[in-house]
Amino acid sequence: SLVEDLGYSSDYLEALCFLIIGNETLNNNPSNVPNATGAKGFAILGQISPVLRKR
């Protein structure tokens, strides 16, 4: 497959995609593709929800 030709195992493709999207979200970068999805514009995907712990 093309993914494996690039040196990546296809077993890890989904995890790699989530890693990239998560990194873009942490850096406030849009990571959608409006031309491919029909979205009206670029958007930051996901939400970072910190856990507040009581001591």
Protein backbone atom coordinates (compact mmCIF):
# COMPACT_ATOMS: atom_id res chain seq x y z
CA SER A 1 0.00 0.00 0.00
CA LEU A 2 1.03 3.63 -0.39
CA VAL A 3 1.24 4.09 3.37
CA GLU A 4 3.66 1.19 3.70
CA ASP A 5 5.67 2.46 0.71
CA LEU A 6 6.26 5.64 2.74
CA GLY A 7 7.64 3.58 5.62
CA TYR A 8 4.57 3.50 7.88
CA SER A 9 2.72 0.40 8.98
CA SER A 10 -0.92 0.48 7.90
CA ASP A 11 -1.73 -0.96 11.35
CA TYR A 12 -0.86 2.41 12.87
CA LEU A 13 -2.47 4.71 10.29
CA GLU A 14 -5.53 5.66 12.38
CA ALA A 15 -3.41 6.37 15.47
CA LEU A 16 -1.04 8.49 13.38
CA CYS A 17 -3.97 10.51 12.00
CA PHE A 18 -5.31 11.19 15.51
CA LEU A 19 -1.82 12.19 16.63
CA ILE A 20 -1.58 14.74 13.81
CA ILE A 21 -5.07 16.14 14.46
CA GLY A 22 -4.36 16.35 18.21
CA ASN A 23 -1.09 18.17 17.62
CA GLU A 24 -2.80 20.67 15.31
CA THR A 25 -5.56 21.23 17.89
CA LEU A 26 -3.00 21.87 20.65
CA ASN A 27 -1.32 24.45 18.42
CA ASN A 28 -4.64 26.12 17.40
CA ASN A 29 -4.22 25.13 13.76
CA PRO A 30 -7.17 24.09 11.61
CA SER A 31 -6.88 20.51 10.41
CA ASN A 32 -9.92 19.91 8.27
CA VAL A 33 -9.99 19.95 4.45
CA PRO A 34 -13.00 22.03 3.33
CA ASN A 35 -12.61 21.06 -0.34
CA ALA A 36 -12.84 17.38 0.57
CA THR A 37 -15.61 17.60 3.17
CA GLY A 38 -17.81 20.41 1.89
CA ALA A 39 -17.25 22.46 5.05
CA LYS A 40 -17.74 26.22 4.73
CA GLY A 41 -14.25 26.95 6.01
CA PHE A 42 -11.29 25.79 8.00
CA ALA A 43 -11.86 24.61 11.58
CA ILE A 44 -9.86 23.48 14.56
CA LEU A 45 -10.94 19.90 15.21
CA GLY A 46 -11.45 18.43 18.66
CA GLN A 47 -11.41 19.90 22.11
CA ILE A 48 -8.78 19.76 24.84
CA SER A 49 -10.46 19.12 28.21
CA PRO A 50 -8.06 19.29 31.16
CA VAL A 51 -8.87 17.16 34.18
CA LEU A 52 -9.13 19.09 37.43
CA ARG A 53 -8.10 16.94 40.37
CA LYS A 54 -8.78 17.66 44.02
CA ARG A 55 -5.96 17.03 46.46
